[in-house]
Amino acid sequence: MTTARTTTIRRTRALGAAAVGLLALSACGGDDGTASEEGIPEGELVEVTVGVLPIAPSVGIYYGIEHGIFEEHGLDVELEYADAGAAMLPAVSTQQYEFGIGNPNSVLNAADQGLDIRIVSGYTNSWAEGDDVAGVIAKADSGIEDWTDLEGASVAINALQTQGDLTIMESVENAAGDPEAVSFTEMPFPDMPAQLDLDNVDAIWVPEPFMSQTLSDDANHLVGHSFQDAVPGMPTMVAFSSGDYVDQNPEVAQAFHDAMHEALSAAQADEEGARELLVDFIDMPEEAAMNIAMEEFEAEIRTEEIDEVAALMVKYGFISEVPEMSEIYFVD
């Protein structure tokens, strides 16, 4: 039997140019000496802050918190909202957040900048076929019917040079179109449906719950699922930490890794229970929570698919070279 818990969730935003400077500083900065290698004392809880996105899949870690799984592993977890995985990197690099949950592309970008960011566990994966969890949506009367129709169009994504534009460009090329002819505009997911309605963009790339909400209007239609047409079954999010934190706090990193495995397995097995938590977690109507497409929760790291993503990032100039992947993955 589980006991309901109160989870603190706060919202943070990217720091723009300041964040880039902070990343550069953290790449060459040293440790302040406050981290401990003693591990988690028995009977005590280590407080950790985890950055998450305000989207449906983030309910996986929330499920683990609400069901006491992280406490069982000696962790007191506080969640912080951010607009994109890349926005968490400065906070994770400087250990303002001990962990972050975002897309693996952000980790690969960080590695390309010389930052030591480690993937501690997997988190969610897209579906290789059928209804997927993110898609490109355009107005039904826009004339945008397939990937090649995005040539010359403006597409809203939540962050540049990450999963949205990467998989859209690969999908356009796979359809014999010109990926360089697509124009991308950066904006938060919640703002995208209104901007599409106002014709400020030609199409939007959104995950759940925004995809279902936008498609509930008959004026809009789905162009395609870019994950499936680029890297089927690709990881959509992973849990990551700074290399310094992992090296200095191996017992905490291991506890978080183990708790994620247990929490995500439980959330995947209890789909109805996870959906019920969405109502409070991101203030979603109950009917919508029970009907949106959900990603696969899985803590195992899909290294082959992440390797494919790294190769695509080099192909489209997002990063200069494929990093040494063995140095990115946390080994339990």
C-alpha atoms as a PDB file:
ATOM      1  CA  MET A   1       0.000   0.000   0.000  1.00  0.00           C
ATOM      2  CA  THR A   2       1.324   3.417  -0.890  1.00  0.00           C
ATOM      3  CA  THR A   3       0.992   6.755   0.829  1.00  0.00           C
ATOM      4  CA  ALA A   4       0.276   9.920  -1.117  1.00  0.00           C
ATOM      5  CA  ARG A   5       3.130  12.419  -0.971  1.00  0.00           C
ATOM      6  CA  THR A   6       3.351  16.109  -1.648  1.00  0.00           C
ATOM      7  CA  THR A   7       5.826  16.878  -4.400  1.00  0.00           C
ATOM      8  CA  THR A   8       7.286  20.341  -4.842  1.00  0.00           C
ATOM      9  CA  ILE A   9       7.420  21.386  -8.490  1.00  0.00           C
ATOM     10  CA  ARG A  10       8.844  24.725  -9.534  1.00  0.00           C
ATOM     11  CA  ARG A  11       9.335  26.285 -12.948  1.00  0.00           C
ATOM     12  CA  THR A  12      12.582  27.599 -14.384  1.00  0.00           C
ATOM     13  CA  ARG A  13      13.397  29.028 -17.794  1.00  0.00           C
ATOM     14  CA  ALA A  14      16.418  29.005 -20.050  1.00  0.00           C
ATOM     15  CA  LEU A  15      18.907  31.795 -19.455  1.00  0.00           C
ATOM     16  CA  GLY A  16      19.527  32.546 -23.131  1.00  0.00           C
ATOM     17  CA  ALA A  17      23.008  33.860 -23.830  1.00  0.00           C
ATOM     18  CA  ALA A  18      23.839  33.764 -20.138  1.00  0.00           C
ATOM     19  CA  ALA A  19      23.264  30.024 -20.156  1.00  0.00           C
ATOM     20  CA  VAL A  20      25.821  29.573 -22.919  1.00  0.00           C
ATOM     21  CA  GLY A  21      28.388  31.449 -20.876  1.00  0.00           C
ATOM     22  CA  LEU A  22      27.589  29.383 -17.825  1.00  0.00           C
ATOM     23  CA  LEU A  23      28.078  26.199 -19.836  1.00  0.00           C
ATOM     24  CA  ALA A  24      31.473  27.410 -20.991  1.00  0.00           C
ATOM     25  CA  LEU A  25      32.507  28.257 -17.442  1.00  0.00           C
ATOM     26  CA  SER A  26      31.333  24.924 -16.088  1.00  0.00           C
ATOM     27  CA  ALA A  27      33.352  23.107 -18.729  1.00  0.00           C
ATOM     28  CA  CYS A  28      36.579  24.473 -17.289  1.00  0.00           C
ATOM     29  CA  GLY A  29      35.551  25.118 -13.687  1.00  0.00           C
ATOM     30  CA  GLY A  30      36.470  22.946 -10.736  1.00  0.00           C
ATOM     31  CA  ASP A  31      34.506  21.392  -7.893  1.00  0.00           C
ATOM     32  CA  ASP A  32      33.763  23.540  -4.841  1.00  0.00           C
ATOM     33  CA  GLY A  33      34.571  20.676  -2.510  1.00  0.00           C
ATOM     34  CA  THR A  34      31.082  20.349  -1.059  1.00  0.00           C
ATOM     35  CA  ALA A  35      30.136  17.062  -2.732  1.00  0.00           C
ATOM     36  CA  SER A  36      30.428  13.929  -0.641  1.00  0.00           C
ATOM     37  CA  GLU A  37      31.666  10.453  -1.513  1.00  0.00           C
ATOM     38  CA  GLU A  38      30.233   8.945   1.650  1.00  0.00           C
ATOM     39  CA  GLY A  39      27.014   7.789   0.021  1.00  0.00           C
ATOM     40  CA  ILE A  40      23.590   7.658   1.628  1.00  0.00           C
ATOM     41  CA  PRO A  41      23.621   7.059   5.407  1.00  0.00           C
ATOM     42  CA  GLU A  42      21.218   4.327   6.396  1.00  0.00           C
ATOM     43  CA  GLY A  43      17.868   5.702   7.524  1.00  0.00           C
ATOM     44  CA  GLU A  44      18.493   9.157   6.039  1.00  0.00           C
ATOM     45  CA  LEU A  45      17.352  10.793   2.811  1.00  0.00           C
ATOM     46  CA  VAL A  46      19.589  12.640   0.381  1.00  0.00           C
ATOM     47  CA  GLU A  47      17.849  15.653  -1.150  1.00  0.00           C
ATOM     48  CA  VAL A  48      18.195  15.852  -4.932  1.00  0.00           C
ATOM     49  CA  THR A  49      16.665  18.274  -7.398  1.00  0.00           C
ATOM     50  CA  VAL A  50      15.636  16.890 -10.783  1.00  0.00           C
ATOM     51  CA  GLY A  51      14.849  19.043 -13.792  1.00  0.00           C
ATOM     52  CA  VAL A  52      11.831  17.886 -15.822  1.00  0.00           C
ATOM     53  CA  LEU A  53       9.719  19.142 -18.718  1.00  0.00           C
ATOM     54  CA  PRO A  54       6.024  20.030 -18.179  1.00  0.00           C
ATOM     55  CA  ILE A  55       4.856  17.272 -20.521  1.00  0.00           C
ATOM     56  CA  ALA A  56       2.994  14.002 -20.029  1.00  0.00           C
ATOM     57  CA  PRO A  57       5.978  11.588 -19.986  1.00  0.00           C
ATOM     58  CA  SER A  58       7.462  13.362 -16.973  1.00  0.00           C
ATOM     59  CA  VAL A  59       4.780  11.611 -14.943  1.00  0.00           C
ATOM     60  CA  GLY A  60       7.086   8.558 -14.828  1.00  0.00           C
ATOM     61  CA  ILE A  61       9.362  10.065 -12.175  1.00  0.00           C
ATOM     62  CA  TYR A  62       6.366  11.645 -10.450  1.00  0.00           C
ATOM     63  CA  TYR A  63       4.872   8.158 -10.179  1.00  0.00           C
ATOM     64  CA  GLY A  64       8.005   6.968  -8.406  1.00  0.00           C
ATOM     65  CA  ILE A  65       7.892   9.888  -5.986  1.00  0.00           C
ATOM     66  CA  GLU A  66       4.209   9.508  -5.172  1.00  0.00           C
ATOM     67  CA  HIS A  67       4.598   5.769  -4.567  1.00  0.00           C
ATOM     68  CA  GLY A  68       7.582   6.204  -2.270  1.00  0.00           C
ATOM     69  CA  ILE A  69      10.038   4.427  -4.547  1.00  0.00           C
ATOM     70  CA  PHE A  70      12.712   7.122  -4.380  1.00  0.00           C
ATOM     71  CA  GLU A  71      12.413   7.315  -0.603  1.00  0.00           C
ATOM     72  CA  GLU A  72      12.955   3.575  -0.441  1.00  0.00           C
ATOM     73  CA  HIS A  73      16.251   4.178  -2.230  1.00  0.00           C
ATOM     74  CA  GLY A  74      17.255   6.949   0.183  1.00  0.00           C
ATOM     75  CA  LEU A  75      16.316   9.918  -2.015  1.00  0.00           C
ATOM     76  CA  ASP A  76      14.118  12.945  -1.355  1.00  0.00           C
ATOM     77  CA  VAL A  77      13.336  14.236  -4.849  1.00  0.00           C
ATOM     78  CA  GLU A  78      12.205  17.775  -5.711  1.00  0.00           C
ATOM     79  CA  LEU A  79      11.181  18.485  -9.305  1.00  0.00           C
ATOM     80  CA  GLU A  80      11.898  21.679 -11.238  1.00  0.00           C
ATOM     81  CA  TYR A  81      10.180  22.549 -14.532  1.00  0.00           C
ATOM     82  CA  ALA A  82      12.251  23.762 -17.491  1.00  0.00           C
ATOM     83  CA  ASP A  83      11.222  24.628 -21.059  1.00  0.00           C
ATOM     84  CA  ALA A  84      13.657  22.264 -22.793  1.00  0.00           C
ATOM     85  CA  GLY A  85      16.297  19.677 -22.012  1.00  0.00           C
ATOM     86  CA  ALA A  86      19.032  22.074 -23.123  1.00  0.00           C
ATOM     87  CA  ALA A  87      17.801  24.610 -20.568  1.00  0.00           C
ATOM     88  CA  MET A  88      18.676  22.151 -17.786  1.00  0.00           C
ATOM     89  CA  LEU A  89      22.308  21.690 -18.816  1.00  0.00           C
ATOM     90  CA  PRO A  90      23.743  24.779 -17.057  1.00  0.00           C
ATOM     91  CA  ALA A  91      21.947  23.828 -13.838  1.00  0.00           C
ATOM     92  CA  VAL A  92      23.071  20.189 -14.060  1.00  0.00           C
ATOM     93  CA  SER A  93      26.635  21.155 -14.996  1.00  0.00           C
ATOM     94  CA  THR A  94      26.951  23.393 -11.930  1.00  0.00           C
ATOM     95  CA  GLN A  95      25.029  20.929  -9.716  1.00  0.00           C
ATOM     96  CA  GLN A  96      22.151  23.328  -9.102  1.00  0.00           C
ATOM     97  CA  TYR A  97      20.210  20.273 -10.271  1.00  0.00           C
ATOM     98  CA  GLU A  98      21.692  16.926  -9.355  1.00  0.00           C
ATOM     99  CA  PHE A  99      19.847  15.279 -12.252  1.00  0.00           C
ATOM    100  CA  GLY A 100      17.870  16.273 -15.317  1.00  0.00           C
ATOM    101  CA  ILE A 101      15.422  14.437 -17.540  1.00  0.00           C
ATOM    102  CA  GLY A 102      15.488  15.511 -21.141  1.00  0.00           C
ATOM    103  CA  ASN A 103      16.285  14.294 -24.613  1.00  0.00           C
ATOM    104  CA  PRO A 104      19.604  12.569 -25.307  1.00  0.00           C
ATOM    105  CA  ASN A 105      20.408  15.110 -28.027  1.00  0.00           C
ATOM    106  CA  SER A 106      21.067  17.695 -25.313  1.00  0.00           C
ATOM    107  CA  VAL A 107      23.629  15.373 -23.746  1.00  0.00           C
ATOM    108  CA  LEU A 108      25.335  14.877 -27.114  1.00  0.00           C
ATOM    109  CA  ASN A 109      25.394  18.645 -27.672  1.00  0.00           C
ATOM    110  CA  ALA A 110      26.967  19.081 -24.245  1.00  0.00           C
ATOM    111  CA  ALA A 111      29.637  16.491 -25.032  1.00  0.00           C
ATOM    112  CA  ASP A 112      30.422  18.322 -28.279  1.00  0.00           C
ATOM    113  CA  GLN A 113      31.010  21.480 -26.194  1.00  0.00           C
ATOM    114  CA  GLY A 114      33.443  19.620 -23.971  1.00  0.00           C
ATOM    115  CA  LEU A 115      31.075  19.137 -21.040  1.00  0.00           C
ATOM    116  CA  ASP A 116      31.090  15.935 -19.006  1.00  0.00           C
ATOM    117  CA  ILE A 117      27.420  14.939 -18.830  1.00  0.00           C
ATOM    118  CA  ARG A 118      26.496  11.311 -18.139  1.00  0.00           C
ATOM    119  CA  ILE A 119      23.323   9.439 -19.047  1.00  0.00           C
ATOM    120  CA  VAL A 120      22.399   7.782 -15.753  1.00  0.00           C
ATOM    121  CA  SER A 121      19.420   5.818 -17.069  1.00  0.00           C
ATOM    122  CA  GLY A 122      16.977   5.597 -19.902  1.00  0.00           C
ATOM    123  CA  TYR A 123      13.559   7.128 -19.407  1.00  0.00           C
ATOM    124  CA  THR A 124      11.110   7.029 -22.329  1.00  0.00           C
ATOM    125  CA  ASN A 125      11.096   5.760 -25.892  1.00  0.00           C
ATOM    126  CA  SER A 126       8.953   6.502 -28.907  1.00  0.00           C
ATOM    127  CA  TRP A 127       6.957   3.745 -30.614  1.00  0.00           C
ATOM    128  CA  ALA A 128       8.501   2.194 -33.705  1.00  0.00           C
ATOM    129  CA  GLU A 129       5.114   1.873 -35.428  1.00  0.00           C
ATOM    130  CA  GLY A 130       1.478   2.862 -34.996  1.00  0.00           C
ATOM    131  CA  ASP A 131       0.387   5.985 -33.119  1.00  0.00           C
ATOM    132  CA  ASP A 132       3.465   7.734 -31.781  1.00  0.00           C
ATOM    133  CA  VAL A 133       3.881  10.306 -29.043  1.00  0.00           C
ATOM    134  CA  ALA A 134       4.929  13.388 -31.012  1.00  0.00           C
ATOM    135  CA  GLY A 135       4.127  14.686 -34.433  1.00  0.00           C
ATOM    136  CA  VAL A 136       4.084  17.526 -36.908  1.00  0.00           C
ATOM    137  CA  ILE A 137       0.695  19.203 -37.247  1.00  0.00           C
ATOM    138  CA  ALA A 138      -0.484  21.664 -39.885  1.00  0.00           C
ATOM    139  CA  LYS A 139      -3.831  23.208 -40.759  1.00  0.00           C
ATOM    140  CA  ALA A 140      -5.994  20.879 -42.804  1.00  0.00           C
ATOM    141  CA  ASP A 141      -6.326  23.458 -45.576  1.00  0.00           C
ATOM    142  CA  SER A 142      -2.641  24.433 -45.596  1.00  0.00           C
ATOM    143  CA  GLY A 143      -1.647  22.152 -48.457  1.00  0.00           C
ATOM    144  CA  ILE A 144       0.951  20.516 -46.220  1.00  0.00           C
ATOM    145  CA  GLU A 145       0.198  16.812 -46.608  1.00  0.00           C
ATOM    146  CA  ASP A 146       3.582  15.096 -46.330  1.00  0.00           C
ATOM    147  CA  TRP A 147       7.200  15.748 -45.409  1.00  0.00           C
ATOM    148  CA  THR A 148       8.184  17.253 -48.764  1.00  0.00           C
ATOM    149  CA  ASP A 149       5.491  19.913 -48.357  1.00  0.00           C
ATOM    150  CA  LEU A 150       7.515  21.358 -45.486  1.00  0.00           C
ATOM    151  CA  GLU A 151      10.030  22.732 -47.996  1.00  0.00           C
ATOM    152  CA  GLY A 152       9.769  26.503 -47.688  1.00  0.00           C
ATOM    153  CA  ALA A 153       7.498  26.224 -44.630  1.00  0.00           C
ATOM    154  CA  SER A 154       8.083  27.475 -41.093  1.00  0.00           C
ATOM    155  CA  VAL A 155       7.852  24.833 -38.364  1.00  0.00           C
ATOM    156  CA  ALA A 156       7.715  25.578 -34.634  1.00  0.00           C
ATOM    157  CA  ILE A 157       9.868  23.423 -32.358  1.00  0.00           C
ATOM    158  CA  ASN A 158      10.639  23.852 -28.667  1.00  0.00           C
ATOM    159  CA  ALA A 159      14.418  24.132 -29.086  1.00  0.00           C
ATOM    160  CA  LEU A 160      16.782  24.406 -32.025  1.00  0.00           C
ATOM    161  CA  GLN A 161      19.277  21.696 -32.956  1.00  0.00           C
ATOM    162  CA  THR A 162      17.621  18.925 -31.002  1.00  0.00           C
ATOM    163  CA  GLN A 163      15.038  16.180 -31.565  1.00  0.00           C
ATOM    164  CA  GLY A 164      12.405  18.213 -33.382  1.00  0.00           C
ATOM    165  CA  ASP A 165      14.415  19.730 -36.216  1.00  0.00           C
ATOM    166  CA  LEU A 166      16.775  16.737 -36.410  1.00  0.00           C
ATOM    167  CA  THR A 167      14.052  14.147 -36.988  1.00  0.00           C
ATOM    168  CA  ILE A 168      12.012  16.433 -39.238  1.00  0.00           C
ATOM    169  CA  MET A 169      15.031  17.086 -41.462  1.00  0.00           C
ATOM    170  CA  GLU A 170      15.794  13.374 -41.703  1.00  0.00           C
ATOM    171  CA  SER A 171      12.134  12.607 -42.439  1.00  0.00           C
ATOM    172  CA  VAL A 172      12.106  15.211 -45.229  1.00  0.00           C
ATOM    173  CA  GLU A 173      15.290  13.790 -46.732  1.00  0.00           C
ATOM    174  CA  ASN A 174      13.983  10.214 -46.483  1.00  0.00           C
ATOM    175  CA  ALA A 175      10.954  11.403 -48.478  1.00  0.00           C
ATOM    176  CA  ALA A 176      13.297  12.771 -51.188  1.00  0.00           C
ATOM    177  CA  GLY A 177      12.802  16.369 -50.079  1.00  0.00           C
ATOM    178  CA  ASP A 178      15.313  19.106 -49.228  1.00  0.00           C
ATOM    179  CA  PRO A 179      15.771  19.294 -45.435  1.00  0.00           C
ATOM    180  CA  GLU A 180      17.711  22.544 -45.704  1.00  0.00           C
ATOM    181  CA  ALA A 181      14.607  24.228 -47.165  1.00  0.00           C
ATOM    182  CA  VAL A 182      12.659  23.888 -43.913  1.00  0.00           C
ATOM    183  CA  SER A 183      12.634  26.925 -41.608  1.00  0.00           C
ATOM    184  CA  PHE A 184      12.469  26.317 -37.838  1.00  0.00           C
ATOM    185  CA  THR A 185      11.135  28.673 -35.185  1.00  0.00           C
ATOM    186  CA  GLU A 186      11.775  28.154 -31.473  1.00  0.00           C
ATOM    187  CA  MET A 187       8.901  28.513 -28.996  1.00  0.00           C
ATOM    188  CA  PRO A 188       7.491  26.735 -25.908  1.00  0.00           C
ATOM    189  CA  PHE A 189       5.086  23.865 -26.563  1.00  0.00           C
ATOM    190  CA  PRO A 190       2.094  25.538 -24.836  1.00  0.00           C
ATOM    191  CA  ASP A 191       2.327  28.532 -27.207  1.00  0.00           C
ATOM    192  CA  MET A 192       2.404  26.511 -30.425  1.00  0.00           C
ATOM    193  CA  PRO A 193      -1.302  25.716 -31.040  1.00  0.00           C
ATOM    194  CA  ALA A 194      -2.282  29.389 -30.819  1.00  0.00           C
ATOM    195  CA  GLN A 195       0.548  30.424 -33.136  1.00  0.00           C
ATOM    196  CA  LEU A 196      -0.559  27.805 -35.659  1.00  0.00           C
ATOM    197  CA  ASP A 197      -4.137  29.070 -35.428  1.00  0.00           C
ATOM    198  CA  LEU A 198      -2.924  32.646 -36.044  1.00  0.00           C
ATOM    199  CA  ASP A 199      -0.910  31.514 -39.100  1.00  0.00           C
ATOM    200  CA  ASN A 200       2.323  32.748 -37.510  1.00  0.00           C
ATOM    201  CA  VAL A 201       3.847  29.366 -38.362  1.00  0.00           C
ATOM    202  CA  ASP A 202       2.922  26.818 -41.024  1.00  0.00           C
ATOM    203  CA  ALA A 203       3.295  23.744 -38.829  1.00  0.00           C
ATOM    204  CA  ILE A 204       4.171  22.747 -35.274  1.00  0.00           C
ATOM    205  CA  TRP A 205       6.060  19.806 -33.788  1.00  0.00           C
ATOM    206  CA  VAL A 206       4.495  18.803 -30.465  1.00  0.00           C
ATOM    207  CA  PRO A 207       4.465  15.892 -28.004  1.00  0.00           C
ATOM    208  CA  GLU A 208       1.568  14.890 -25.784  1.00  0.00           C
ATOM    209  CA  PRO A 209      -0.606  16.339 -24.381  1.00  0.00           C
ATOM    210  CA  PHE A 210      -0.310  19.137 -26.954  1.00  0.00           C
ATOM    211  CA  MET A 211      -0.562  16.805 -29.949  1.00  0.00           C
ATOM    212  CA  SER A 212      -3.942  15.377 -28.924  1.00  0.00           C
ATOM    213  CA  GLN A 213      -5.242  18.780 -27.877  1.00  0.00           C
ATOM    214  CA  THR A 214      -4.278  20.349 -31.210  1.00  0.00           C
ATOM    215  CA  LEU A 215      -5.657  17.459 -33.256  1.00  0.00           C
ATOM    216  CA  SER A 216      -8.992  17.652 -31.421  1.00  0.00           C
ATOM    217  CA  ASP A 217      -9.672  20.690 -33.630  1.00  0.00           C
ATOM    218  CA  ASP A 218     -10.830  19.460 -37.052  1.00  0.00           C
ATOM    219  CA  ALA A 219      -9.110  22.463 -38.600  1.00  0.00           C
ATOM    220  CA  ASN A 220      -5.776  20.721 -37.991  1.00  0.00           C
ATOM    221  CA  HIS A 221      -4.314  17.441 -39.194  1.00  0.00           C
ATOM    222  CA  LEU A 222      -1.271  15.254 -38.591  1.00  0.00           C
ATOM    223  CA  VAL A 223       1.495  15.472 -41.195  1.00  0.00           C
ATOM    224  CA  GLY A 224       3.552  12.654 -39.700  1.00  0.00           C
ATOM    225  CA  HIS A 225       5.481  11.190 -36.777  1.00  0.00           C
ATOM    226  CA  SER A 226       9.065  12.331 -37.284  1.00  0.00           C
ATOM    227  CA  PHE A 227      10.579   9.920 -34.759  1.00  0.00           C
ATOM    228  CA  GLN A 228       9.280   6.901 -36.676  1.00  0.00           C
ATOM    229  CA  ASP A 229      10.460   8.198 -40.039  1.00  0.00           C
ATOM    230  CA  ALA A 230      13.933   9.090 -38.733  1.00  0.00           C
ATOM    231  CA  VAL A 231      14.959   6.636 -35.970  1.00  0.00           C
ATOM    232  CA  PRO A 232      12.113   4.212 -35.157  1.00  0.00           C
ATOM    233  CA  GLY A 233      11.853   3.528 -31.433  1.00  0.00           C
ATOM    234  CA  MET A 234      14.339   6.248 -30.559  1.00  0.00           C
ATOM    235  CA  PRO A 235      14.723   7.313 -26.931  1.00  0.00           C
ATOM    236  CA  THR A 236      12.806  10.515 -26.360  1.00  0.00           C
ATOM    237  CA  MET A 237      14.176  11.259 -22.892  1.00  0.00           C
ATOM    238  CA  VAL A 238      16.949  10.035 -20.630  1.00  0.00           C
ATOM    239  CA  ALA A 239      18.056  10.875 -17.090  1.00  0.00           C
ATOM    240  CA  PHE A 240      21.424  12.601 -16.880  1.00  0.00           C
ATOM    241  CA  SER A 241      23.824  14.167 -14.416  1.00  0.00           C
ATOM    242  CA  SER A 242      27.192  15.894 -14.458  1.00  0.00           C
ATOM    243  CA  GLY A 243      30.281  13.748 -14.585  1.00  0.00           C
ATOM    244  CA  ASP A 244      31.639  15.497 -11.486  1.00  0.00           C
ATOM    245  CA  TYR A 245      28.519  14.728  -9.497  1.00  0.00           C
ATOM    246  CA  VAL A 246      28.468  11.075 -10.556  1.00  0.00           C
ATOM    247  CA  ASP A 247      32.172  10.639  -9.772  1.00  0.00           C
ATOM    248  CA  GLN A 248      31.923  12.373  -6.400  1.00  0.00           C
ATOM    249  CA  ASN A 249      28.604  10.794  -5.389  1.00  0.00           C
ATOM    250  CA  PRO A 250      28.640   7.296  -6.868  1.00  0.00           C
ATOM    251  CA  GLU A 251      26.277   5.861  -4.242  1.00  0.00           C
ATOM    252  CA  VAL A 252      23.704   8.594  -4.878  1.00  0.00           C
ATOM    253  CA  ALA A 253      24.006   8.128  -8.647  1.00  0.00           C
ATOM    254  CA  GLN A 254      23.565   4.382  -8.204  1.00  0.00           C
ATOM    255  CA  ALA A 255      20.544   4.893  -5.937  1.00  0.00           C
ATOM    256  CA  PHE A 256      18.961   7.218  -8.495  1.00  0.00           C
ATOM    257  CA  HIS A 257      19.719   4.754 -11.298  1.00  0.00           C
ATOM    258  CA  ASP A 258      18.145   1.888  -9.333  1.00  0.00           C
ATOM    259  CA  ALA A 259      15.120   3.964  -8.294  1.00  0.00           C
ATOM    260  CA  MET A 260      14.512   4.981 -11.902  1.00  0.00           C
ATOM    261  CA  HIS A 261      14.513   1.341 -12.995  1.00  0.00           C
ATOM    262  CA  GLU A 262      11.962   0.456 -10.335  1.00  0.00           C
ATOM    263  CA  ALA A 263       9.796   3.553 -10.811  1.00  0.00           C
ATOM    264  CA  LEU A 264       9.625   3.365 -14.603  1.00  0.00           C
ATOM    265  CA  SER A 265       8.920  -0.365 -14.607  1.00  0.00           C
ATOM    266  CA  ALA A 266       6.097   0.218 -12.119  1.00  0.00           C
ATOM    267  CA  ALA A 267       4.668   3.132 -14.119  1.00  0.00           C
ATOM    268  CA  GLN A 268       4.750   1.105 -17.332  1.00  0.00           C
ATOM    269  CA  ALA A 269       2.987  -1.811 -15.626  1.00  0.00           C
ATOM    270  CA  ASP A 270       0.399   0.483 -14.018  1.00  0.00           C
ATOM    271  CA  GLU A 271      -0.605   2.578 -17.029  1.00  0.00           C
ATOM    272  CA  GLU A 272      -3.975   3.543 -15.574  1.00  0.00           C
ATOM    273  CA  GLY A 273      -2.375   4.678 -12.319  1.00  0.00           C
ATOM    274  CA  ALA A 274       0.202   6.750 -14.198  1.00  0.00           C
ATOM    275  CA  ARG A 275      -2.514   8.369 -16.298  1.00  0.00           C
ATOM    276  CA  GLU A 276      -4.497   9.247 -13.185  1.00  0.00           C
ATOM    277  CA  LEU A 277      -1.519  11.176 -11.831  1.00  0.00           C
ATOM    278  CA  LEU A 278      -1.444  13.378 -14.947  1.00  0.00           C
ATOM    279  CA  VAL A 279      -4.583  15.156 -13.754  1.00  0.00           C
ATOM    280  CA  ASP A 280      -2.687  16.831 -10.898  1.00  0.00           C
ATOM    281  CA  PHE A 281       0.835  16.650 -12.294  1.00  0.00           C
ATOM    282  CA  ILE A 282       0.251  18.862 -15.335  1.00  0.00           C
ATOM    283  CA  ASP A 283      -3.338  19.921 -14.658  1.00  0.00           C
ATOM    284  CA  MET A 284      -4.732  17.727 -17.429  1.00  0.00           C
ATOM    285  CA  PRO A 285      -8.459  16.982 -17.769  1.00  0.00           C
ATOM    286  CA  GLU A 286      -9.179  13.410 -16.710  1.00  0.00           C
ATOM    287  CA  GLU A 287     -10.677  12.416 -20.067  1.00  0.00           C
ATOM    288  CA  ALA A 288      -7.605  13.666 -21.914  1.00  0.00           C
ATOM    289  CA  ALA A 289      -5.266  11.894 -19.485  1.00  0.00           C
ATOM    290  CA  MET A 290      -6.983   8.589 -20.169  1.00  0.00           C
ATOM    291  CA  ASN A 291      -6.787   8.930 -23.954  1.00  0.00           C
ATOM    292  CA  ILE A 292      -3.483  10.554 -24.929  1.00  0.00           C
ATOM    293  CA  ALA A 293      -0.712   8.510 -26.499  1.00  0.00           C
ATOM    294  CA  MET A 294       1.877   7.597 -23.872  1.00  0.00           C
ATOM    295  CA  GLU A 295       5.542   6.856 -24.451  1.00  0.00           C
ATOM    296  CA  GLU A 296       7.166   3.640 -23.324  1.00  0.00           C
ATOM    297  CA  PHE A 297       8.762   3.980 -19.896  1.00  0.00           C
ATOM    298  CA  GLU A 298      12.051   2.091 -19.843  1.00  0.00           C
ATOM    299  CA  ALA A 299      15.179   2.712 -17.772  1.00  0.00           C
ATOM    300  CA  GLU A 300      17.435   0.585 -19.966  1.00  0.00           C
ATOM    301  CA  ILE A 301      19.505   2.835 -22.208  1.00  0.00           C
ATOM    302  CA  ARG A 302      18.941   2.203 -25.932  1.00  0.00           C
ATOM    303  CA  THR A 303      22.539   2.745 -26.943  1.00  0.00           C
ATOM    304  CA  GLU A 304      22.135   1.672 -30.589  1.00  0.00           C
ATOM    305  CA  GLU A 305      19.397   4.228 -31.246  1.00  0.00           C
ATOM    306  CA  ILE A 306      21.325   6.967 -29.432  1.00  0.00           C
ATOM    307  CA  ASP A 307      24.347   6.121 -31.588  1.00  0.00           C
ATOM    308  CA  GLU A 308      22.110   6.596 -34.659  1.00  0.00           C
ATOM    309  CA  VAL A 309      20.992   9.961 -33.318  1.00  0.00           C
ATOM    310  CA  ALA A 310      24.621  11.008 -32.800  1.00  0.00           C
ATOM    311  CA  ALA A 311      25.428  10.117 -36.419  1.00  0.00           C
ATOM    312  CA  LEU A 312      22.461  12.195 -37.654  1.00  0.00           C
ATOM    313  CA  MET A 313      23.571  15.147 -35.532  1.00  0.00           C
ATOM    314  CA  VAL A 314      26.942  15.059 -37.266  1.00  0.00           C
ATOM    315  CA  LYS A 315      25.240  14.653 -40.664  1.00  0.00           C
ATOM    316  CA  TYR A 316      23.191  17.833 -40.191  1.00  0.00           C
ATOM    317  CA  GLY A 317      25.931  19.830 -38.502  1.00  0.00           C
ATOM    318  CA  PHE A 318      24.449  19.892 -35.002  1.00  0.00           C
ATOM    319  CA  ILE A 319      27.707  18.572 -33.550  1.00  0.00           C
ATOM    320  CA  SER A 320      31.192  18.383 -35.012  1.00  0.00           C
ATOM    321  CA  GLU A 321      31.837  14.682 -34.416  1.00  0.00           C
ATOM    322  CA  VAL A 322      30.391  11.641 -32.693  1.00  0.00           C
ATOM    323  CA  PRO A 323      31.653  11.751 -29.099  1.00  0.00           C
ATOM    324  CA  GLU A 324      33.245   8.805 -27.321  1.00  0.00           C
ATOM    325  CA  MET A 325      29.920   7.184 -26.428  1.00  0.00           C
ATOM    326  CA  SER A 326      31.336   4.832 -23.781  1.00  0.00           C
ATOM    327  CA  GLU A 327      32.256   7.878 -21.693  1.00  0.00           C
ATOM    328  CA  ILE A 328      28.676   9.188 -21.739  1.00  0.00           C
ATOM    329  CA  TYR A 329      26.884   6.161 -20.284  1.00  0.00           C
ATOM    330  CA  PHE A 330      26.737   5.570 -16.544  1.00  0.00           C
ATOM    331  CA  VAL A 331      27.820   2.016 -15.713  1.00  0.00           C
ATOM    332  CA  ASP A 332      26.114   0.379 -12.713  1.00  0.00           C
END
